[in-house]
Amino acid sequence: MIEQFNFDIRLIFAILNGKVSAAINRKLSRNFRQNGLEITPEQWTVLIFLWEKDGVTQQELCNATFKQDKYAAEYAAKRRSVKSTKKED
């Protein structure tokens, strides 16, 4: 029966991976909003990376989060202007 279809397992995996990723991002966004946090899942990724490692360069941040320099620079500028989250030891 399965031989009737010409499945490309890589394509199927890519589609499922994208759908799972989108579902996780939607759930994170919903939880952030419900808890009064006005951040995106992408910003959360950056915050977690910065929380775990001090003294990170912009390039390290881009490499770790797979973001372009422009995005990291814009986000860093926003964080400096807001300064709403402080790390407590």
Protein backbone atom coordinates (compact mmCIF):
# COMPACT_ATOMS: atom_id res chain seq x y z
CA MET A 1 0.00 0.00 0.00
CA ILE A 2 2.72 2.50 0.97
CA GLU A 3 4.48 1.81 -2.31
CA GLN A 4 1.72 3.67 -4.13
CA PHE A 5 3.02 6.94 -2.73
CA ASN A 6 6.36 8.49 -3.40
CA PHE A 7 7.22 9.96 0.02
CA ASP A 8 10.22 12.16 0.52
CA ILE A 9 10.92 11.55 4.19
CA ARG A 10 13.12 14.66 4.39
CA LEU A 11 10.26 16.83 3.17
CA ILE A 12 7.81 15.26 5.59
CA PHE A 13 10.24 15.76 8.47
CA ALA A 14 10.81 19.40 7.49
CA ILE A 15 7.07 20.08 7.37
CA LEU A 16 6.44 18.41 10.74
CA ASN A 17 9.41 20.18 12.29
CA GLY A 18 8.08 23.54 11.11
CA LYS A 19 4.59 22.80 12.45
CA VAL A 20 5.94 21.71 15.84
CA SER A 21 8.15 24.78 16.06
CA ALA A 22 5.24 27.07 15.19
CA ALA A 23 3.01 25.36 17.79
CA ILE A 24 5.65 25.79 20.49
CA ASN A 25 6.10 29.47 19.58
CA ARG A 26 2.32 30.05 19.72
CA LYS A 27 2.10 28.40 23.14
CA LEU A 28 5.06 30.42 24.46
CA SER A 29 3.57 33.65 23.13
CA ARG A 30 0.22 32.86 24.73
CA ASN A 31 1.86 32.06 28.09
CA PHE A 32 3.98 35.23 27.97
CA ARG A 33 0.89 37.39 27.31
CA GLN A 34 -1.11 35.67 30.05
CA ASN A 35 1.68 36.46 32.51
CA GLY A 36 2.09 40.09 31.44
CA LEU A 37 5.40 39.59 29.60
CA GLU A 38 5.62 41.54 26.38
CA ILE A 39 8.36 39.50 24.72
CA THR A 40 8.52 37.12 21.79
CA PRO A 41 9.80 33.53 21.85
CA GLU A 42 12.86 34.77 19.93
CA GLN A 43 13.56 37.39 22.59
CA TRP A 44 13.12 34.72 25.26
CA THR A 45 15.84 32.66 23.57
CA VAL A 46 18.18 35.64 23.70
CA LEU A 47 17.36 36.34 27.34
CA ILE A 48 18.02 32.73 28.34
CA PHE A 49 21.38 32.78 26.57
CA LEU A 50 22.35 36.04 28.26
CA TRP A 51 21.17 34.74 31.63
CA GLU A 52 23.38 31.67 31.36
CA LYS A 53 26.53 33.42 30.17
CA ASP A 54 27.86 36.82 31.13
CA GLY A 55 30.02 38.98 28.86
CA VAL A 56 28.59 37.69 25.60
CA THR A 57 29.62 39.49 22.44
CA GLN A 58 27.08 40.41 19.80
CA GLN A 59 28.62 37.86 17.43
CA GLU A 60 28.38 35.06 20.03
CA LEU A 61 24.76 35.96 20.56
CA CYS A 62 24.07 35.82 16.82
CA ASN A 63 25.82 32.48 16.49
CA ALA A 64 23.99 30.97 19.47
CA THR A 65 20.54 32.14 18.39
CA PHE A 66 20.99 31.87 14.63
CA LYS A 67 20.10 35.54 14.21
CA GLN A 68 21.65 38.16 11.99
CA ASP A 69 23.79 40.95 13.41
CA LYS A 70 21.11 43.55 12.63
CA TYR A 71 18.52 41.77 14.78
CA ALA A 72 20.94 41.34 17.68
CA ALA A 73 21.97 45.00 17.54
CA GLU A 74 18.35 46.17 17.52
CA TYR A 75 17.46 43.88 20.40
CA ALA A 76 20.50 44.93 22.44
CA ALA A 77 19.60 48.59 21.92
CA LYS A 78 16.04 47.93 23.13
CA ARG A 79 17.31 46.05 26.18
CA ARG A 80 19.70 48.86 27.10
CA SER A 81 16.93 51.43 26.83
CA VAL A 82 14.40 49.44 28.87
CA LYS A 83 16.68 47.78 31.46
CA SER A 84 13.65 46.05 32.92
CA THR A 85 15.23 42.70 33.71
CA LYS A 86 18.11 42.30 36.13
CA LYS A 87 19.96 39.12 36.92
CA GLU A 88 19.90 38.28 40.60
CA ASP A 89 22.56 36.02 42.06
